[in-house]
Amino acid sequence: MKDQPTLKDCQAFHRHLDELKGFSQDLPLNVMLLVEEVGEVAKEVRRLTKAHQSGQASDVEKATSHLREELADCLAYVVKLANYTGIDLEEAYVEKMRYNIHREWHE
């Protein structure tokens, strides 16, 4: 038994969930929804930064919890977009990171 799901498992789950819930597979719509979720990530990062500055542990915990949820939403939309376009996300990620490990970034 696996301890953690793989990206392949996540893609299979979202295929099932989309079918079960009848979610739209419209690419532009799902990209728009992903962008909306990225905006929510930005909002929660801002909230988390302020919480760290204030030193309030309860605020940091709350902001971290909200950020966690928004990051999960972003991942869900990325997985769905990969499904809708026939991309094996796990394979694509591994290939890209193999490239990136040797890549040089310039500021």
N, C-alpha and C. Protein backbone atom coordinates (compact mmCIF):
# COMPACT_ATOMS: atom_id res chain seq x y z
N MET A 1 0.84 -1.20 0.00
CA MET A 1 0.00 0.00 0.00
C MET A 1 0.87 1.24 0.00
N LYS A 2 0.51 2.22 -0.80
CA LYS A 2 1.26 3.46 -0.90
C LYS A 2 0.97 4.37 0.29
N ASP A 3 1.99 5.09 0.72
CA ASP A 3 1.79 6.07 1.78
C ASP A 3 1.17 7.35 1.25
N GLN A 4 1.63 7.78 0.09
CA GLN A 4 1.18 9.05 -0.49
C GLN A 4 0.78 8.83 -1.94
N PRO A 5 -0.24 9.54 -2.39
CA PRO A 5 -0.63 9.40 -3.79
C PRO A 5 0.43 10.02 -4.72
N THR A 6 0.56 9.44 -5.87
CA THR A 6 1.44 9.99 -6.90
C THR A 6 0.64 10.98 -7.74
N LEU A 7 1.33 11.69 -8.61
CA LEU A 7 0.61 12.56 -9.54
C LEU A 7 -0.32 11.75 -10.44
N LYS A 8 0.11 10.53 -10.79
CA LYS A 8 -0.76 9.66 -11.59
C LYS A 8 -2.05 9.35 -10.83
N ASP A 9 -1.91 9.10 -9.53
CA ASP A 9 -3.09 8.86 -8.70
C ASP A 9 -4.00 10.08 -8.66
N CYS A 10 -3.40 11.26 -8.55
CA CYS A 10 -4.18 12.51 -8.52
C CYS A 10 -4.92 12.70 -9.84
N GLN A 11 -4.25 12.40 -10.94
CA GLN A 11 -4.91 12.54 -12.24
C GLN A 11 -6.07 11.56 -12.35
N ALA A 12 -5.88 10.33 -11.90
CA ALA A 12 -6.97 9.34 -11.94
C ALA A 12 -8.13 9.79 -11.06
N PHE A 13 -7.83 10.31 -9.88
CA PHE A 13 -8.88 10.80 -8.99
C PHE A 13 -9.69 11.90 -9.65
N HIS A 14 -9.01 12.85 -10.30
CA HIS A 14 -9.72 13.97 -10.93
C HIS A 14 -10.52 13.54 -12.15
N ARG A 15 -10.04 12.52 -12.86
CA ARG A 15 -10.85 11.99 -13.95
C ARG A 15 -12.18 11.47 -13.39
N HIS A 16 -12.09 10.72 -12.30
CA HIS A 16 -13.28 10.17 -11.66
C HIS A 16 -14.17 11.29 -11.11
N LEU A 17 -13.58 12.24 -10.40
CA LEU A 17 -14.35 13.33 -9.81
C LEU A 17 -15.06 14.16 -10.88
N ASP A 18 -14.36 14.45 -11.98
CA ASP A 18 -14.97 15.23 -13.06
C ASP A 18 -16.17 14.50 -13.63
N GLU A 19 -16.02 13.19 -13.82
CA GLU A 19 -17.13 12.40 -14.35
C GLU A 19 -18.29 12.37 -13.35
N LEU A 20 -17.97 12.14 -12.10
CA LEU A 20 -18.98 12.06 -11.04
C LEU A 20 -19.75 13.36 -10.88
N LYS A 21 -19.03 14.48 -10.91
CA LYS A 21 -19.65 15.79 -10.66
C LYS A 21 -20.06 16.53 -11.93
N GLY A 22 -19.65 16.01 -13.09
CA GLY A 22 -20.01 16.66 -14.34
C GLY A 22 -19.32 17.99 -14.56
N PHE A 23 -18.09 18.13 -14.03
CA PHE A 23 -17.36 19.39 -14.19
C PHE A 23 -17.02 19.63 -15.65
N SER A 24 -17.03 20.89 -16.03
CA SER A 24 -16.70 21.29 -17.39
C SER A 24 -15.22 21.04 -17.68
N GLN A 25 -14.96 20.54 -18.87
CA GLN A 25 -13.59 20.33 -19.32
C GLN A 25 -13.14 21.43 -20.28
N ASP A 26 -13.86 22.51 -20.30
CA ASP A 26 -13.52 23.65 -21.15
C ASP A 26 -12.17 24.22 -20.72
N LEU A 27 -11.19 24.19 -21.61
CA LEU A 27 -9.83 24.63 -21.26
C LEU A 27 -9.77 26.10 -20.83
N PRO A 28 -10.29 27.05 -21.62
CA PRO A 28 -10.21 28.45 -21.19
C PRO A 28 -10.88 28.68 -19.83
N LEU A 29 -12.02 28.05 -19.60
CA LEU A 29 -12.70 28.20 -18.31
C LEU A 29 -11.82 27.70 -17.17
N ASN A 30 -11.21 26.54 -17.35
CA ASN A 30 -10.39 25.97 -16.28
C ASN A 30 -9.09 26.76 -16.07
N VAL A 31 -8.55 27.34 -17.12
CA VAL A 31 -7.39 28.22 -16.96
C VAL A 31 -7.80 29.45 -16.15
N MET A 32 -8.97 30.00 -16.46
CA MET A 32 -9.45 31.15 -15.72
C MET A 32 -9.64 30.80 -14.24
N LEU A 33 -10.18 29.63 -13.96
CA LEU A 33 -10.38 29.21 -12.58
C LEU A 33 -9.04 28.99 -11.87
N LEU A 34 -8.04 28.47 -12.60
CA LEU A 34 -6.70 28.33 -12.03
C LEU A 34 -6.12 29.69 -11.67
N VAL A 35 -6.25 30.65 -12.58
CA VAL A 35 -5.73 32.00 -12.33
C VAL A 35 -6.41 32.60 -11.10
N GLU A 36 -7.70 32.37 -10.98
CA GLU A 36 -8.43 32.85 -9.80
C GLU A 36 -7.84 32.25 -8.52
N GLU A 37 -7.54 30.97 -8.57
CA GLU A 37 -6.95 30.31 -7.40
C GLU A 37 -5.54 30.83 -7.11
N VAL A 38 -4.77 31.13 -8.15
CA VAL A 38 -3.44 31.71 -7.95
C VAL A 38 -3.58 33.07 -7.25
N GLY A 39 -4.60 33.82 -7.61
CA GLY A 39 -4.87 35.09 -6.92
C GLY A 39 -5.15 34.86 -5.45
N GLU A 40 -5.87 33.79 -5.14
CA GLU A 40 -6.14 33.45 -3.74
C GLU A 40 -4.85 33.07 -3.01
N VAL A 41 -3.93 32.40 -3.70
CA VAL A 41 -2.62 32.08 -3.11
C VAL A 41 -1.90 33.37 -2.77
N ALA A 42 -1.90 34.32 -3.69
CA ALA A 42 -1.23 35.60 -3.45
C ALA A 42 -1.83 36.30 -2.23
N LYS A 43 -3.14 36.28 -2.13
CA LYS A 43 -3.82 36.90 -0.99
C LYS A 43 -3.40 36.23 0.32
N GLU A 44 -3.32 34.92 0.32
CA GLU A 44 -2.95 34.21 1.55
C GLU A 44 -1.48 34.38 1.89
N VAL A 45 -0.63 34.51 0.89
CA VAL A 45 0.80 34.78 1.15
C VAL A 45 0.93 36.16 1.79
N ARG A 46 0.18 37.11 1.30
CA ARG A 46 0.19 38.46 1.89
C ARG A 46 -0.28 38.39 3.35
N ARG A 47 -1.35 37.65 3.58
CA ARG A 47 -1.89 37.49 4.93
C ARG A 47 -0.87 36.79 5.84
N LEU A 48 -0.21 35.77 5.32
CA LEU A 48 0.79 35.04 6.09
C LEU A 48 1.99 35.93 6.42
N THR A 49 2.42 36.72 5.48
CA THR A 49 3.53 37.64 5.70
C THR A 49 3.19 38.63 6.81
N LYS A 50 2.00 39.19 6.76
CA LYS A 50 1.56 40.12 7.81
C LYS A 50 1.47 39.42 9.16
N ALA A 51 1.00 38.19 9.16
CA ALA A 51 0.88 37.44 10.41
C ALA A 51 2.26 37.19 11.02
N HIS A 52 3.23 36.84 10.18
CA HIS A 52 4.60 36.65 10.68
C HIS A 52 5.14 37.95 11.26
N GLN A 53 4.87 39.05 10.60
CA GLN A 53 5.35 40.35 11.07
C GLN A 53 4.72 40.74 12.39
N SER A 54 3.46 40.38 12.58
CA SER A 54 2.78 40.73 13.83
C SER A 54 3.19 39.82 14.98
N GLY A 55 3.73 38.65 14.63
CA GLY A 55 4.16 37.71 15.66
C GLY A 55 3.04 36.96 16.35
N GLN A 56 1.84 37.02 15.79
CA GLN A 56 0.70 36.32 16.37
C GLN A 56 0.64 34.88 15.84
N ALA A 57 0.98 33.93 16.69
CA ALA A 57 1.03 32.52 16.28
C ALA A 57 -0.31 32.03 15.73
N SER A 58 -1.41 32.46 16.34
CA SER A 58 -2.72 32.01 15.88
C SER A 58 -3.02 32.54 14.48
N ASP A 59 -2.58 33.76 14.18
CA ASP A 59 -2.77 34.33 12.84
C ASP A 59 -1.91 33.60 11.81
N VAL A 60 -0.70 33.25 12.20
CA VAL A 60 0.19 32.50 11.30
C VAL A 60 -0.43 31.14 11.00
N GLU A 61 -0.92 30.49 12.01
CA GLU A 61 -1.53 29.16 11.83
C GLU A 61 -2.76 29.24 10.91
N LYS A 62 -3.58 30.24 11.12
CA LYS A 62 -4.78 30.42 10.30
C LYS A 62 -4.42 30.72 8.85
N ALA A 63 -3.47 31.63 8.66
CA ALA A 63 -3.05 31.99 7.30
C ALA A 63 -2.39 30.81 6.60
N THR A 64 -1.61 30.04 7.34
CA THR A 64 -0.96 28.86 6.76
C THR A 64 -2.01 27.84 6.34
N SER A 65 -3.04 27.66 7.14
CA SER A 65 -4.12 26.74 6.81
C SER A 65 -4.85 27.17 5.54
N HIS A 66 -5.13 28.47 5.43
CA HIS A 66 -5.80 28.98 4.22
C HIS A 66 -4.90 28.84 2.99
N LEU A 67 -3.61 29.13 3.15
CA LEU A 67 -2.67 28.98 2.03
C LEU A 67 -2.61 27.53 1.58
N ARG A 68 -2.59 26.63 2.52
CA ARG A 68 -2.57 25.19 2.21
C ARG A 68 -3.76 24.81 1.33
N GLU A 69 -4.94 25.31 1.68
CA GLU A 69 -6.15 25.02 0.90
C GLU A 69 -6.05 25.60 -0.51
N GLU A 70 -5.56 26.82 -0.62
CA GLU A 70 -5.48 27.46 -1.94
C GLU A 70 -4.44 26.79 -2.83
N LEU A 71 -3.34 26.36 -2.24
CA LEU A 71 -2.33 25.63 -3.02
C LEU A 71 -2.90 24.31 -3.52
N ALA A 72 -3.68 23.64 -2.68
CA ALA A 72 -4.33 22.39 -3.11
C ALA A 72 -5.29 22.65 -4.26
N ASP A 73 -6.03 23.76 -4.19
CA ASP A 73 -6.93 24.11 -5.30
C ASP A 73 -6.15 24.34 -6.59
N CYS A 74 -5.02 25.02 -6.49
CA CYS A 74 -4.19 25.26 -7.69
C CYS A 74 -3.71 23.94 -8.28
N LEU A 75 -3.24 23.06 -7.41
CA LEU A 75 -2.77 21.76 -7.89
C LEU A 75 -3.91 21.01 -8.58
N ALA A 76 -5.10 21.07 -8.02
CA ALA A 76 -6.24 20.38 -8.62
C ALA A 76 -6.49 20.88 -10.03
N TYR A 77 -6.44 22.19 -10.24
CA TYR A 77 -6.67 22.73 -11.59
C TYR A 77 -5.54 22.38 -12.55
N VAL A 78 -4.32 22.35 -12.08
CA VAL A 78 -3.20 21.94 -12.94
C VAL A 78 -3.39 20.47 -13.36
N VAL A 79 -3.76 19.64 -12.40
CA VAL A 79 -4.00 18.22 -12.70
C VAL A 79 -5.13 18.08 -13.72
N LYS A 80 -6.21 18.83 -13.52
CA LYS A 80 -7.34 18.76 -14.44
C LYS A 80 -6.94 19.21 -15.84
N LEU A 81 -6.15 20.28 -15.94
CA LEU A 81 -5.71 20.75 -17.26
C LEU A 81 -4.84 19.70 -17.95
N ALA A 82 -3.99 19.04 -17.18
CA ALA A 82 -3.19 17.96 -17.75
C ALA A 82 -4.10 16.85 -18.26
N ASN A 83 -5.09 16.49 -17.49
CA ASN A 83 -6.03 15.45 -17.93
C ASN A 83 -6.73 15.83 -19.22
N TYR A 84 -7.22 17.06 -19.30
CA TYR A 84 -8.00 17.49 -20.45
C TYR A 84 -7.17 17.56 -21.73
N THR A 85 -5.86 17.65 -21.57
CA THR A 85 -4.99 17.75 -22.74
C THR A 85 -4.18 16.48 -22.98
N GLY A 86 -4.44 15.43 -22.20
CA GLY A 86 -3.77 14.15 -22.40
C GLY A 86 -2.32 14.13 -21.96
N ILE A 87 -1.96 14.98 -21.03
CA ILE A 87 -0.56 15.05 -20.56
C ILE A 87 -0.41 14.23 -19.29
N ASP A 88 0.60 13.36 -19.28
CA ASP A 88 0.97 12.64 -18.07
C ASP A 88 1.80 13.61 -17.24
N LEU A 89 1.19 14.18 -16.22
CA LEU A 89 1.82 15.25 -15.45
C LEU A 89 3.07 14.78 -14.71
N GLU A 90 3.02 13.59 -14.18
CA GLU A 90 4.18 13.07 -13.46
C GLU A 90 5.37 12.93 -14.40
N GLU A 91 5.13 12.38 -15.57
CA GLU A 91 6.18 12.23 -16.57
C GLU A 91 6.71 13.59 -17.01
N ALA A 92 5.81 14.52 -17.27
CA ALA A 92 6.20 15.86 -17.69
C ALA A 92 7.04 16.55 -16.62
N TYR A 93 6.64 16.40 -15.36
CA TYR A 93 7.37 17.02 -14.26
C TYR A 93 8.78 16.45 -14.16
N VAL A 94 8.89 15.14 -14.20
CA VAL A 94 10.21 14.50 -14.08
C VAL A 94 11.11 14.94 -15.23
N GLU A 95 10.58 14.95 -16.45
CA GLU A 95 11.37 15.39 -17.61
C GLU A 95 11.84 16.83 -17.45
N LYS A 96 10.94 17.70 -17.02
CA LYS A 96 11.29 19.11 -16.87
C LYS A 96 12.33 19.32 -15.78
N MET A 97 12.22 18.59 -14.69
CA MET A 97 13.19 18.75 -13.60
C MET A 97 14.55 18.17 -13.99
N ARG A 98 14.56 17.14 -14.82
CA ARG A 98 15.85 16.63 -15.35
C ARG A 98 16.53 17.70 -16.19
N TYR A 99 15.74 18.43 -16.93
CA TYR A 99 16.27 19.55 -17.71
C TYR A 99 16.74 20.66 -16.78
N ASN A 100 15.91 21.02 -15.82
CA ASN A 100 16.21 22.14 -14.93
C ASN A 100 17.43 21.92 -14.05
N ILE A 101 17.72 20.69 -13.72
CA ILE A 101 18.86 20.41 -12.83
C ILE A 101 20.16 20.88 -13.45
N HIS A 102 20.22 20.90 -14.78
CA HIS A 102 21.43 21.33 -15.48
C HIS A 102 21.33 22.75 -16.03
N ARG A 103 20.19 23.34 -15.88
CA ARG A 103 19.91 24.65 -16.45
C ARG A 103 20.52 25.75 -15.57
N GLU A 104 20.92 26.84 -16.22
CA GLU A 104 21.40 28.00 -15.46
C GLU A 104 20.39 29.13 -15.63
N TRP A 105 20.04 29.73 -14.52
CA TRP A 105 19.11 30.86 -14.54
C TRP A 105 19.91 32.14 -14.38
N HIS A 106 19.50 33.14 -15.11
CA HIS A 106 20.16 34.45 -15.03
C HIS A 106 19.14 35.46 -14.57
N GLU A 107 19.55 36.30 -13.66
CA GLU A 107 18.63 37.34 -13.15
C GLU A 107 18.56 38.51 -14.08
